Amino acid sequence: MMTDPNDDMLDDIFAQARAVTPDPSADLMARILADVVSPASEATLVAGPGLWARLSGMLGGWPALGSLLAATVAGIWIGVAPPATVEDFAASLLGDAVTVSLFAQDGIFDLGDLADG
């Protein structure tokens, strides 16, 4: 079995490097201790962005949020008061026309319920 002489040389170099124990200089230790002892008021803390800023950035900024808001309002509007063509299309898909009233016909909005007598 043959050994590579370069491997033996590398083993010797690594053994020498492991034998050396580095000692930090006195100046380095003084600076480290000065950093540890310094008051925390000198440190500047930077607050990160808030929840709305992170959400806005995640969605694409204010233009994207404006478009999302406009689409939401339009969807609610079409859902509450759909145009006749949407009602006809939904009725043709579902088979029956369904009408939902937000206000009852015999509710407190009738003038006779509020009048004395």
PDB file of N, CA and C in Angstrom:
ATOM      1  N   MET A   1       0.832  -1.172   0.000  1.00  0.00           N
ATOM      2  CA  MET A   1       0.000   0.000   0.000  1.00  0.00           C
ATOM      3  C   MET A   1       0.881   1.241   0.000  1.00  0.00           C
ATOM      4  N   MET A   2       0.621   2.107  -0.956  1.00  0.00           N
ATOM      5  CA  MET A   2       1.443   3.298  -1.076  1.00  0.00           C
ATOM      6  C   MET A   2       0.684   4.493  -0.504  1.00  0.00           C
ATOM      7  N   THR A   3       1.406   5.384   0.096  1.00  0.00           N
ATOM      8  CA  THR A   3       0.801   6.609   0.603  1.00  0.00           C
ATOM      9  C   THR A   3       1.307   7.776  -0.228  1.00  0.00           C
ATOM     10  N   ASP A   4       0.468   8.749  -0.358  1.00  0.00           N
ATOM     11  CA  ASP A   4       0.837   9.927  -1.134  1.00  0.00           C
ATOM     12  C   ASP A   4       1.672  10.845  -0.250  1.00  0.00           C
ATOM     13  N   PRO A   5       2.860  11.273  -0.710  1.00  0.00           N
ATOM     14  CA  PRO A   5       3.701  12.138   0.127  1.00  0.00           C
ATOM     15  C   PRO A   5       3.036  13.495   0.401  1.00  0.00           C
ATOM     16  N   ASN A   6       2.156  13.947  -0.520  1.00  0.00           N
ATOM     17  CA  ASN A   6       1.462  15.223  -0.285  1.00  0.00           C
ATOM     18  C   ASN A   6       0.493  15.109   0.892  1.00  0.00           C
ATOM     19  N   ASP A   7      -0.135  13.938   1.053  1.00  0.00           N
ATOM     20  CA  ASP A   7      -1.038  13.743   2.179  1.00  0.00           C
ATOM     21  C   ASP A   7      -0.287  13.767   3.499  1.00  0.00           C
ATOM     22  N   ASP A   8       0.934  13.163   3.522  1.00  0.00           N
ATOM     23  CA  ASP A   8       1.752  13.180   4.738  1.00  0.00           C
ATOM     24  C   ASP A   8       2.160  14.609   5.095  1.00  0.00           C
ATOM     25  N   MET A   9       2.495  15.388   4.087  1.00  0.00           N
ATOM     26  CA  MET A   9       2.889  16.765   4.318  1.00  0.00           C
ATOM     27  C   MET A   9       1.712  17.580   4.857  1.00  0.00           C
ATOM     28  N   LEU A  10       0.512  17.348   4.294  1.00  0.00           N
ATOM     29  CA  LEU A  10      -0.670  18.055   4.783  1.00  0.00           C
ATOM     30  C   LEU A  10      -0.999  17.661   6.211  1.00  0.00           C
ATOM     31  N   ASP A  11      -0.840  16.395   6.536  1.00  0.00           N
ATOM     32  CA  ASP A  11      -1.096  15.955   7.906  1.00  0.00           C
ATOM     33  C   ASP A  11      -0.147  16.653   8.878  1.00  0.00           C
ATOM     34  N   ASP A  12       1.124  16.805   8.480  1.00  0.00           N
ATOM     35  CA  ASP A  12       2.088  17.496   9.335  1.00  0.00           C
ATOM     36  C   ASP A  12       1.706  18.964   9.527  1.00  0.00           C
ATOM     37  N   ILE A  13       1.272  19.622   8.445  1.00  0.00           N
ATOM     38  CA  ILE A  13       0.891  21.037   8.526  1.00  0.00           C
ATOM     39  C   ILE A  13      -0.341  21.208   9.429  1.00  0.00           C
ATOM     40  N   PHE A  14      -1.342  20.321   9.286  1.00  0.00           N
ATOM     41  CA  PHE A  14      -2.535  20.414  10.129  1.00  0.00           C
ATOM     42  C   PHE A  14      -2.204  20.138  11.599  1.00  0.00           C
ATOM     43  N   ALA A  15      -1.279  19.224  11.863  1.00  0.00           N
ATOM     44  CA  ALA A  15      -0.870  18.937  13.245  1.00  0.00           C
ATOM     45  C   ALA A  15      -0.183  20.141  13.863  1.00  0.00           C
ATOM     46  N   GLN A  16       0.647  20.844  13.081  1.00  0.00           N
ATOM     47  CA  GLN A  16       1.303  22.058  13.587  1.00  0.00           C
ATOM     48  C   GLN A  16       0.278  23.157  13.859  1.00  0.00           C
ATOM     49  N   ALA A  17      -0.732  23.281  12.981  1.00  0.00           N
ATOM     50  CA  ALA A  17      -1.752  24.315  13.174  1.00  0.00           C
ATOM     51  C   ALA A  17      -2.602  24.030  14.403  1.00  0.00           C
ATOM     52  N   ARG A  18      -2.869  22.739  14.683  1.00  0.00           N
ATOM     53  CA  ARG A  18      -3.652  22.398  15.868  1.00  0.00           C
ATOM     54  C   ARG A  18      -2.866  22.651  17.151  1.00  0.00           C
ATOM     55  N   ALA A  19      -1.552  22.589  17.076  1.00  0.00           N
ATOM     56  CA  ALA A  19      -0.721  22.770  18.264  1.00  0.00           C
ATOM     57  C   ALA A  19      -0.648  24.233  18.697  1.00  0.00           C
ATOM     58  N   VAL A  20      -0.873  25.160  17.803  1.00  0.00           N
ATOM     59  CA  VAL A  20      -0.782  26.591  18.123  1.00  0.00           C
ATOM     60  C   VAL A  20      -2.095  27.037  18.758  1.00  0.00           C
ATOM     61  N   THR A  21      -2.015  27.692  19.903  1.00  0.00           N
ATOM     62  CA  THR A  21      -3.211  28.250  20.554  1.00  0.00           C
ATOM     63  C   THR A  21      -3.148  29.763  20.419  1.00  0.00           C
ATOM     64  N   PRO A  22      -4.067  30.358  19.675  1.00  0.00           N
ATOM     65  CA  PRO A  22      -4.017  31.810  19.477  1.00  0.00           C
ATOM     66  C   PRO A  22      -4.484  32.537  20.746  1.00  0.00           C
ATOM     67  N   ASP A  23      -3.723  33.529  21.157  1.00  0.00           N
ATOM     68  CA  ASP A  23      -4.093  34.360  22.302  1.00  0.00           C
ATOM     69  C   ASP A  23      -4.465  35.738  21.776  1.00  0.00           C
ATOM     70  N   PRO A  24      -5.641  36.265  22.174  1.00  0.00           N
ATOM     71  CA  PRO A  24      -6.008  37.607  21.716  1.00  0.00           C
ATOM     72  C   PRO A  24      -5.119  38.651  22.381  1.00  0.00           C
ATOM     73  N   SER A  25      -4.899  39.723  21.657  1.00  0.00           N
ATOM     74  CA  SER A  25      -4.043  40.782  22.195  1.00  0.00           C
ATOM     75  C   SER A  25      -4.777  41.521  23.318  1.00  0.00           C
ATOM     76  N   ALA A  26      -4.024  42.234  24.120  1.00  0.00           N
ATOM     77  CA  ALA A  26      -4.603  42.985  25.243  1.00  0.00           C
ATOM     78  C   ALA A  26      -5.501  44.109  24.715  1.00  0.00           C
ATOM     79  N   ASP A  27      -5.135  44.700  23.576  1.00  0.00           N
ATOM     80  CA  ASP A  27      -5.944  45.771  22.987  1.00  0.00           C
ATOM     81  C   ASP A  27      -7.313  45.242  22.543  1.00  0.00           C
ATOM     82  N   LEU A  28      -7.327  44.060  21.925  1.00  0.00           N
ATOM     83  CA  LEU A  28      -8.592  43.461  21.498  1.00  0.00           C
ATOM     84  C   LEU A  28      -9.481  43.158  22.701  1.00  0.00           C
ATOM     85  N   MET A  29      -8.909  42.609  23.752  1.00  0.00           N
ATOM     86  CA  MET A  29      -9.693  42.302  24.952  1.00  0.00           C
ATOM     87  C   MET A  29     -10.242  43.576  25.596  1.00  0.00           C
ATOM     88  N   ALA A  30      -9.471  44.655  25.577  1.00  0.00           N
ATOM     89  CA  ALA A  30      -9.931  45.928  26.148  1.00  0.00           C
ATOM     90  C   ALA A  30     -11.107  46.477  25.348  1.00  0.00           C
ATOM     91  N   ARG A  31     -11.038  46.388  24.019  1.00  0.00           N
ATOM     92  CA  ARG A  31     -12.153  46.869  23.197  1.00  0.00           C
ATOM     93  C   ARG A  31     -13.407  46.024  23.396  1.00  0.00           C
ATOM     94  N   ILE A  32     -13.245  44.713  23.538  1.00  0.00           N
ATOM     95  CA  ILE A  32     -14.403  43.837  23.767  1.00  0.00           C
ATOM     96  C   ILE A  32     -15.049  44.163  25.098  1.00  0.00           C
ATOM     97  N   LEU A  33     -14.243  44.332  26.140  1.00  0.00           N
ATOM     98  CA  LEU A  33     -14.790  44.676  27.449  1.00  0.00           C
ATOM     99  C   LEU A  33     -15.437  46.051  27.452  1.00  0.00           C
ATOM    100  N   ALA A  34     -14.904  46.994  26.688  1.00  0.00           N
ATOM    101  CA  ALA A  34     -15.513  48.328  26.599  1.00  0.00           C
ATOM    102  C   ALA A  34     -16.878  48.245  25.930  1.00  0.00           C
ATOM    103  N   ASP A  35     -17.014  47.389  24.928  1.00  0.00           N
ATOM    104  CA  ASP A  35     -18.315  47.213  24.274  1.00  0.00           C
ATOM    105  C   ASP A  35     -19.320  46.566  25.207  1.00  0.00           C
ATOM    106  N   VAL A  36     -18.869  45.642  26.036  1.00  0.00           N
ATOM    107  CA  VAL A  36     -19.769  44.947  26.945  1.00  0.00           C
ATOM    108  C   VAL A  36     -20.247  45.881  28.049  1.00  0.00           C
ATOM    109  N   VAL A  37     -19.375  46.739  28.549  1.00  0.00           N
ATOM    110  CA  VAL A  37     -19.688  47.596  29.679  1.00  0.00           C
ATOM    111  C   VAL A  37     -20.464  48.838  29.247  1.00  0.00           C
ATOM    112  N   SER A  38     -20.399  49.237  27.983  1.00  0.00           N
ATOM    113  CA  SER A  38     -21.046  50.472  27.537  1.00  0.00           C
ATOM    114  C   SER A  38     -22.548  50.399  27.767  1.00  0.00           C
ATOM    115  N   PRO A  39     -23.172  51.535  28.119  1.00  0.00           N
ATOM    116  CA  PRO A  39     -24.620  51.525  28.396  1.00  0.00           C
ATOM    117  C   PRO A  39     -25.424  51.264  27.126  1.00  0.00           C
ATOM    118  N   ALA A  40     -26.611  50.718  27.333  1.00  0.00           N
ATOM    119  CA  ALA A  40     -27.460  50.361  26.202  1.00  0.00           C
ATOM    120  C   ALA A  40     -28.065  51.584  25.534  1.00  0.00           C
ATOM    121  N   SER A  41     -28.031  52.753  26.208  1.00  0.00           N
ATOM    122  CA  SER A  41     -28.625  53.958  25.616  1.00  0.00           C
ATOM    123  C   SER A  41     -27.843  54.420  24.396  1.00  0.00           C
ATOM    124  N   GLU A  42     -26.581  54.026  24.300  1.00  0.00           N
ATOM    125  CA  GLU A  42     -25.800  54.423  23.138  1.00  0.00           C
ATOM    126  C   GLU A  42     -26.164  53.613  21.900  1.00  0.00           C
ATOM    127  N   ALA A  43     -26.707  52.449  22.111  1.00  0.00           N
ATOM    128  CA  ALA A  43     -27.081  51.611  20.979  1.00  0.00           C
ATOM    129  C   ALA A  43     -28.342  52.187  20.342  1.00  0.00           C
ATOM    130  N   THR A  44     -28.348  52.238  19.038  1.00  0.00           N
ATOM    131  CA  THR A  44     -29.523  52.747  18.337  1.00  0.00           C
ATOM    132  C   THR A  44     -30.334  51.573  17.827  1.00  0.00           C
ATOM    133  N   LEU A  45     -31.565  51.544  18.248  1.00  0.00           N
ATOM    134  CA  LEU A  45     -32.463  50.500  17.796  1.00  0.00           C
ATOM    135  C   LEU A  45     -33.355  51.068  16.700  1.00  0.00           C
ATOM    136  N   VAL A  46     -33.432  50.370  15.614  1.00  0.00           N
ATOM    137  CA  VAL A  46     -34.263  50.795  14.494  1.00  0.00           C
ATOM    138  C   VAL A  46     -35.496  49.917  14.468  1.00  0.00           C
ATOM    139  N   ALA A  47     -36.663  50.557  14.576  1.00  0.00           N
ATOM    140  CA  ALA A  47     -37.915  49.803  14.539  1.00  0.00           C
ATOM    141  C   ALA A  47     -38.190  49.363  13.112  1.00  0.00           C
ATOM    142  N   GLY A  48     -38.666  48.164  12.975  1.00  0.00           N
ATOM    143  CA  GLY A  48     -39.009  47.636  11.659  1.00  0.00           C
ATOM    144  C   GLY A  48     -40.324  48.214  11.173  1.00  0.00           C
ATOM    145  N   PRO A  49     -40.686  47.929   9.948  1.00  0.00           N
ATOM    146  CA  PRO A  49     -41.949  48.441   9.425  1.00  0.00           C
ATOM    147  C   PRO A  49     -43.135  47.821  10.154  1.00  0.00           C
ATOM    148  N   GLY A  50     -44.227  48.558  10.232  1.00  0.00           N
ATOM    149  CA  GLY A  50     -45.417  48.092  10.915  1.00  0.00           C
ATOM    150  C   GLY A  50     -46.176  47.056  10.103  1.00  0.00           C
ATOM    151  N   LEU A  51     -47.289  46.630  10.673  1.00  0.00           N
ATOM    152  CA  LEU A  51     -48.098  45.582  10.051  1.00  0.00           C
ATOM    153  C   LEU A  51     -48.644  46.040   8.697  1.00  0.00           C
ATOM    154  N   TRP A  52     -49.196  47.256   8.636  1.00  0.00           N
ATOM    155  CA  TRP A  52     -49.780  47.733   7.379  1.00  0.00           C
ATOM    156  C   TRP A  52     -48.722  47.927   6.313  1.00  0.00           C
ATOM    157  N   ALA A  53     -47.536  48.376   6.707  1.00  0.00           N
ATOM    158  CA  ALA A  53     -46.457  48.559   5.730  1.00  0.00           C
ATOM    159  C   ALA A  53     -45.994  47.215   5.175  1.00  0.00           C
ATOM    160  N   ARG A  54     -45.885  46.201   6.043  1.00  0.00           N
ATOM    161  CA  ARG A  54     -45.494  44.871   5.560  1.00  0.00           C
ATOM    162  C   ARG A  54     -46.564  44.279   4.656  1.00  0.00           C
ATOM    163  N   LEU A  55     -47.853  44.441   5.040  1.00  0.00           N
ATOM    164  CA  LEU A  55     -48.954  43.923   4.224  1.00  0.00           C
ATOM    165  C   LEU A  55     -49.003  44.632   2.878  1.00  0.00           C
ATOM    166  N   SER A  56     -48.824  45.945   2.896  1.00  0.00           N
ATOM    167  CA  SER A  56     -48.820  46.715   1.654  1.00  0.00           C
ATOM    168  C   SER A  56     -47.669  46.283   0.747  1.00  0.00           C
ATOM    169  N   GLY A  57     -46.512  46.080   1.315  1.00  0.00           N
ATOM    170  CA  GLY A  57     -45.368  45.638   0.519  1.00  0.00           C
ATOM    171  C   GLY A  57     -45.557  44.242  -0.034  1.00  0.00           C
ATOM    172  N   MET A  58     -46.201  43.386   0.746  1.00  0.00           N
ATOM    173  CA  MET A  58     -46.414  42.013   0.304  1.00  0.00           C
ATOM    174  C   MET A  58     -47.399  41.960  -0.863  1.00  0.00           C
ATOM    175  N   LEU A  59     -48.386  42.854  -0.852  1.00  0.00           N
ATOM    176  CA  LEU A  59     -49.395  42.846  -1.915  1.00  0.00           C
ATOM    177  C   LEU A  59     -48.985  43.662  -3.131  1.00  0.00           C
ATOM    178  N   GLY A  60     -47.964  44.493  -3.012  1.00  0.00           N
ATOM    179  CA  GLY A  60     -47.507  45.240  -4.177  1.00  0.00           C
ATOM    180  C   GLY A  60     -47.603  46.734  -4.033  1.00  0.00           C
ATOM    181  N   GLY A  61     -47.813  47.247  -2.848  1.00  0.00           N
ATOM    182  CA  GLY A  61     -47.846  48.687  -2.626  1.00  0.00           C
ATOM    183  C   GLY A  61     -49.252  49.264  -2.714  1.00  0.00           C
ATOM    184  N   TRP A  62     -49.298  50.603  -2.640  1.00  0.00           N
ATOM    185  CA  TRP A  62     -50.592  51.288  -2.618  1.00  0.00           C
ATOM    186  C   TRP A  62     -51.398  51.139  -3.911  1.00  0.00           C
ATOM    187  N   PRO A  63     -50.781  51.111  -5.091  1.00  0.00           N
ATOM    188  CA  PRO A  63     -51.591  50.903  -6.291  1.00  0.00           C
ATOM    189  C   PRO A  63     -52.319  49.560  -6.279  1.00  0.00           C
ATOM    190  N   ALA A  64     -51.650  48.529  -5.820  1.00  0.00           N
ATOM    191  CA  ALA A  64     -52.287  47.209  -5.763  1.00  0.00           C
ATOM    192  C   ALA A  64     -53.387  47.188  -4.712  1.00  0.00           C
ATOM    193  N   LEU A  65     -53.158  47.857  -3.571  1.00  0.00           N
ATOM    194  CA  LEU A  65     -54.197  47.907  -2.536  1.00  0.00           C
ATOM    195  C   LEU A  65     -55.410  48.695  -3.015  1.00  0.00           C
ATOM    196  N   GLY A  66     -55.183  49.772  -3.785  1.00  0.00           N
ATOM    197  CA  GLY A  66     -56.296  50.539  -4.341  1.00  0.00           C
ATOM    198  C   GLY A  66     -57.104  49.711  -5.328  1.00  0.00           C
ATOM    199  N   SER A  67     -56.429  48.943  -6.159  1.00  0.00           N
ATOM    200  CA  SER A  67     -57.128  48.081  -7.116  1.00  0.00           C
ATOM    201  C   SER A  67     -57.899  46.981  -6.400  1.00  0.00           C
ATOM    202  N   LEU A  68     -57.306  46.422  -5.360  1.00  0.00           N
ATOM    203  CA  LEU A  68     -57.986  45.393  -4.583  1.00  0.00           C
ATOM    204  C   LEU A  68     -59.226  45.952  -3.892  1.00  0.00           C
ATOM    205  N   LEU A  69     -59.125  47.160  -3.363  1.00  0.00           N
ATOM    206  CA  LEU A  69     -60.272  47.797  -2.723  1.00  0.00           C
ATOM    207  C   LEU A  69     -61.380  48.085  -3.739  1.00  0.00           C
ATOM    208  N   ALA A  70     -61.012  48.573  -4.917  1.00  0.00           N
ATOM    209  CA  ALA A  70     -62.015  48.858  -5.945  1.00  0.00           C
ATOM    210  C   ALA A  70     -62.718  47.577  -6.396  1.00  0.00           C
ATOM    211  N   ALA A  71     -61.982  46.495  -6.567  1.00  0.00           N
ATOM    212  CA  ALA A  71     -62.593  45.230  -6.967  1.00  0.00           C
ATOM    213  C   ALA A  71     -63.498  44.687  -5.867  1.00  0.00           C
ATOM    214  N   THR A  72     -63.113  44.874  -4.606  1.00  0.00           N
ATOM    215  CA  THR A  72     -63.947  44.416  -3.496  1.00  0.00           C
ATOM    216  C   THR A  72     -65.250  45.188  -3.437  1.00  0.00           C
ATOM    217  N   VAL A  73     -65.170  46.510  -3.564  1.00  0.00           N
ATOM    218  CA  VAL A  73     -66.382  47.338  -3.531  1.00  0.00           C
ATOM    219  C   VAL A  73     -67.285  47.008  -4.711  1.00  0.00           C
ATOM    220  N   ALA A  74     -66.711  46.816  -5.888  1.00  0.00           N
ATOM    221  CA  ALA A  74     -67.524  46.471  -7.056  1.00  0.00           C
ATOM    222  C   ALA A  74     -68.190  45.111  -6.874  1.00  0.00           C
ATOM    223  N   GLY A  75     -67.484  44.147  -6.298  1.00  0.00           N
ATOM    224  CA  GLY A  75     -68.069  42.828  -6.053  1.00  0.00           C
ATOM    225  C   GLY A  75     -69.212  42.881  -5.067  1.00  0.00           C
ATOM    226  N   ILE A  76     -69.045  43.672  -4.009  1.00  0.00           N
ATOM    227  CA  ILE A  76     -70.138  43.816  -3.030  1.00  0.00           C
ATOM    228  C   ILE A  76     -71.334  44.505  -3.679  1.00  0.00           C
ATOM    229  N   TRP A  77     -71.063  45.549  -4.469  1.00  0.00           N
ATOM    230  CA  TRP A  77     -72.144  46.285  -5.122  1.00  0.00           C
ATOM    231  C   TRP A  77     -72.912  45.376  -6.080  1.00  0.00           C
ATOM    232  N   ILE A  78     -72.209  44.613  -6.892  1.00  0.00           N
ATOM    233  CA  ILE A  78     -72.868  43.706  -7.837  1.00  0.00           C
ATOM    234  C   ILE A  78     -73.595  42.598  -7.085  1.00  0.00           C
ATOM    235  N   GLY A  79     -73.055  42.172  -5.945  1.00  0.00           N
ATOM    236  CA  GLY A  79     -73.727  41.141  -5.167  1.00  0.00           C
ATOM    237  C   GLY A  79     -74.998  41.627  -4.515  1.00  0.00           C
ATOM    238  N   VAL A  80     -75.015  42.867  -4.055  1.00  0.00           N
ATOM    239  CA  VAL A  80     -76.197  43.403  -3.374  1.00  0.00           C
ATOM    240  C   VAL A  80     -77.244  43.865  -4.378  1.00  0.00           C
ATOM    241  N   ALA A  81     -76.847  44.587  -5.410  1.00  0.00           N
ATOM    242  CA  ALA A  81     -77.789  45.117  -6.395  1.00  0.00           C
ATOM    243  C   ALA A  81     -77.334  44.723  -7.791  1.00  0.00           C
ATOM    244  N   PRO A  82     -77.528  43.467  -8.176  1.00  0.00           N
ATOM    245  CA  PRO A  82     -77.028  43.034  -9.481  1.00  0.00           C
ATOM    246  C   PRO A  82     -77.839  43.637 -10.625  1.00  0.00           C
ATOM    247  N   PRO A  83     -77.191  43.887 -11.749  1.00  0.00           N
ATOM    248  CA  PRO A  83     -77.915  44.343 -12.927  1.00  0.00           C
ATOM    249  C   PRO A  83     -78.842  43.231 -13.437  1.00  0.00           C
ATOM    250  N   ALA A  84     -79.801  43.607 -14.256  1.00  0.00           N
ATOM    251  CA  ALA A  84     -80.784  42.645 -14.754  1.00  0.00           C
ATOM    252  C   ALA A  84     -80.119  41.525 -15.560  1.00  0.00           C
ATOM    253  N   THR A  85     -79.090  41.839 -16.305  1.00  0.00           N
ATOM    254  CA  THR A  85     -78.431  40.806 -17.106  1.00  0.00           C
ATOM    255  C   THR A  85     -77.770  39.755 -16.224  1.00  0.00           C
ATOM    256  N   VAL A  86     -77.221  40.173 -15.084  1.00  0.00           N
ATOM    257  CA  VAL A  86     -76.612  39.212 -14.171  1.00  0.00           C
ATOM    258  C   VAL A  86     -77.686  38.325 -13.554  1.00  0.00           C
ATOM    259  N   GLU A  87     -78.828  38.936 -13.190  1.00  0.00           N
ATOM    260  CA  GLU A  87     -79.929  38.145 -12.625  1.00  0.00           C
ATOM    261  C   GLU A  87     -80.449  37.131 -13.645  1.00  0.00           C
ATOM    262  N   ASP A  88     -80.583  37.561 -14.917  1.00  0.00           N
ATOM    263  CA  ASP A  88     -81.056  36.652 -15.957  1.00  0.00           C
ATOM    264  C   ASP A  88     -80.056  35.518 -16.197  1.00  0.00           C
ATOM    265  N   PHE A  89     -78.775  35.846 -16.212  1.00  0.00           N
ATOM    266  CA  PHE A  89     -77.742  34.832 -16.416  1.00  0.00           C
ATOM    267  C   PHE A  89     -77.723  33.839 -15.258  1.00  0.00           C
ATOM    268  N   ALA A  90     -77.830  34.339 -14.023  1.00  0.00           N
ATOM    269  CA  ALA A  90     -77.844  33.458 -12.854  1.00  0.00           C
ATOM    270  C   ALA A  90     -79.091  32.580 -12.868  1.00  0.00           C
ATOM    271  N   ALA A  91     -80.210  33.149 -13.267  1.00  0.00           N
ATOM    272  CA  ALA A  91     -81.433  32.361 -13.326  1.00  0.00           C
ATOM    273  C   ALA A  91     -81.334  31.275 -14.392  1.00  0.00           C
ATOM    274  N   SER A  92     -80.683  31.574 -15.521  1.00  0.00           N
ATOM    275  CA  SER A  92     -80.545  30.557 -16.555  1.00  0.00           C
ATOM    276  C   SER A  92     -79.578  29.448 -16.110  1.00  0.00           C
ATOM    277  N   LEU A  93     -78.573  29.790 -15.328  1.00  0.00           N
ATOM    278  CA  LEU A  93     -77.646  28.782 -14.822  1.00  0.00           C
ATOM    279  C   LEU A  93     -78.269  27.931 -13.723  1.00  0.00           C
ATOM    280  N   LEU A  94     -78.931  28.589 -12.772  1.00  0.00           N
ATOM    281  CA  LEU A  94     -79.484  27.880 -11.618  1.00  0.00           C
ATOM    282  C   LEU A  94     -80.870  27.313 -11.882  1.00  0.00           C
ATOM    283  N   GLY A  95     -81.567  27.878 -12.824  1.00  0.00           N
ATOM    284  CA  GLY A  95     -82.886  27.366 -13.158  1.00  0.00           C
ATOM    285  C   GLY A  95     -84.024  28.128 -12.508  1.00  0.00           C
ATOM    286  N   ASP A  96     -83.823  28.748 -11.388  1.00  0.00           N
ATOM    287  CA  ASP A  96     -84.873  29.500 -10.707  1.00  0.00           C
ATOM    288  C   ASP A  96     -84.352  30.896 -10.406  1.00  0.00           C
ATOM    289  N   ALA A  97     -85.224  31.846 -10.498  1.00  0.00           N
ATOM    290  CA  ALA A  97     -84.866  33.208 -10.130  1.00  0.00           C
ATOM    291  C   ALA A  97     -85.037  33.355  -8.628  1.00  0.00           C
ATOM    292  N   VAL A  98     -83.995  33.775  -7.968  1.00  0.00           N
ATOM    293  CA  VAL A  98     -84.042  33.959  -6.515  1.00  0.00           C
ATOM    294  C   VAL A  98     -83.824  35.431  -6.230  1.00  0.00           C
ATOM    295  N   THR A  99     -84.729  36.015  -5.454  1.00  0.00           N
ATOM    296  CA  THR A  99     -84.623  37.413  -5.093  1.00  0.00           C
ATOM    297  C   THR A  99     -84.531  37.513  -3.579  1.00  0.00           C
ATOM    298  N   VAL A 100     -83.553  38.248  -3.121  1.00  0.00           N
ATOM    299  CA  VAL A 100     -83.361  38.445  -1.683  1.00  0.00           C
ATOM    300  C   VAL A 100     -83.543  39.916  -1.401  1.00  0.00           C
ATOM    301  N   SER A 101     -84.410  40.239  -0.460  1.00  0.00           N
ATOM    302  CA  SER A 101     -84.644  41.619  -0.074  1.00  0.00           C
ATOM    303  C   SER A 101     -83.930  41.890   1.241  1.00  0.00           C
ATOM    304  N   LEU A 102     -83.212  42.984   1.277  1.00  0.00           N
ATOM    305  CA  LEU A 102     -82.503  43.331   2.497  1.00  0.00           C
ATOM    306  C   LEU A 102     -83.445  43.884   3.566  1.00  0.00           C
ATOM    307  N   PHE A 103     -84.548  44.464   3.139  1.00  0.00           N
ATOM    308  CA  PHE A 103     -85.490  45.062   4.080  1.00  0.00           C
ATOM    309  C   PHE A 103     -86.819  44.339   3.959  1.00  0.00           C
ATOM    310  N   ALA A 104     -87.398  44.005   5.084  1.00  0.00           N
ATOM    311  CA  ALA A 104     -88.704  43.345   5.076  1.00  0.00           C
ATOM    312  C   ALA A 104     -89.779  44.358   4.684  1.00  0.00           C
ATOM    313  N   GLN A 105     -90.789  43.889   3.989  1.00  0.00           N
ATOM    314  CA  GLN A 105     -91.848  44.778   3.538  1.00  0.00           C
ATOM    315  C   GLN A 105     -92.728  45.256   4.684  1.00  0.00           C
ATOM    316  N   ASP A 106     -92.861  44.443   5.718  1.00  0.00           N
ATOM    317  CA  ASP A 106     -93.708  44.849   6.833  1.00  0.00           C
ATOM    318  C   ASP A 106     -92.858  45.222   8.050  1.00  0.00           C
ATOM    319  N   GLY A 107     -91.670  45.764   7.829  1.00  0.00           N
ATOM    320  CA  GLY A 107     -90.772  46.116   8.921  1.00  0.00           C
ATOM    321  C   GLY A 107     -91.118  47.454   9.538  1.00  0.00           C
ATOM    322  N   ILE A 108     -90.214  48.004  10.290  1.00  0.00           N
ATOM    323  CA  ILE A 108     -90.471  49.263  10.975  1.00  0.00           C
ATOM    324  C   ILE A 108     -90.390  50.453  10.034  1.00  0.00           C
ATOM    325  N   PHE A 109     -90.041  50.212   8.774  1.00  0.00           N
ATOM    326  CA  PHE A 109     -89.936  51.307   7.825  1.00  0.00           C
ATOM    327  C   PHE A 109     -91.275  51.764   7.283  1.00  0.00           C
ATOM    328  N   ASP A 110     -92.311  50.997   7.548  1.00  0.00           N
ATOM    329  CA  ASP A 110     -93.647  51.451   7.152  1.00  0.00           C
ATOM    330  C   ASP A 110     -94.058  52.604   8.073  1.00  0.00           C
ATOM    331  N   LEU A 111     -94.665  53.610   7.487  1.00  0.00           N
ATOM    332  CA  LEU A 111     -95.030  54.784   8.271  1.00  0.00           C
ATOM    333  C   LEU A 111     -96.141  54.503   9.277  1.00  0.00           C
ATOM    334  N   GLY A 112     -96.980  53.537   8.984  1.00  0.00           N
ATOM    335  CA  GLY A 112     -98.080  53.246   9.885  1.00  0.00           C
ATOM    336  C   GLY A 112     -97.626  52.677  11.213  1.00  0.00           C
ATOM    337  N   ASP A 113     -96.512  51.994  11.256  1.00  0.00           N
ATOM    338  CA  ASP A 113     -96.020  51.418  12.514  1.00  0.00           C
ATOM    339  C   ASP A 113     -95.484  52.482  13.450  1.00  0.00           C
ATOM    340  N   LEU A 114     -94.989  53.581  12.898  1.00  0.00           N
ATOM    341  CA  LEU A 114     -94.388  54.595  13.731  1.00  0.00           C
ATOM    342  C   LEU A 114     -95.403  55.659  14.182  1.00  0.00           C
ATOM    343  N   ALA A 115     -96.531  55.714  13.514  1.00  0.00           N
ATOM    344  CA  ALA A 115     -97.518  56.772  13.851  1.00  0.00           C
ATOM    345  C   ALA A 115     -98.329  56.342  15.063  1.00  0.00           C
ATOM    346  N   ASP A 116     -98.782  57.316  15.837  1.00  0.00           N
ATOM    347  CA  ASP A 116     -99.660  57.035  16.974  1.00  0.00           C
ATOM    348  C   ASP A 116    -101.074  56.773  16.483  1.00  0.00           C
ATOM    349  N   GLY A 117    -101.756  55.924  17.189  1.00  0.00           N
ATOM    350  CA  GLY A 117    -103.143  55.792  16.830  1.00  0.00           C
ATOM    351  C   GLY A 117    -103.700  54.474  16.939  1.00  0.00           C
TER     352      GLY A 117
END
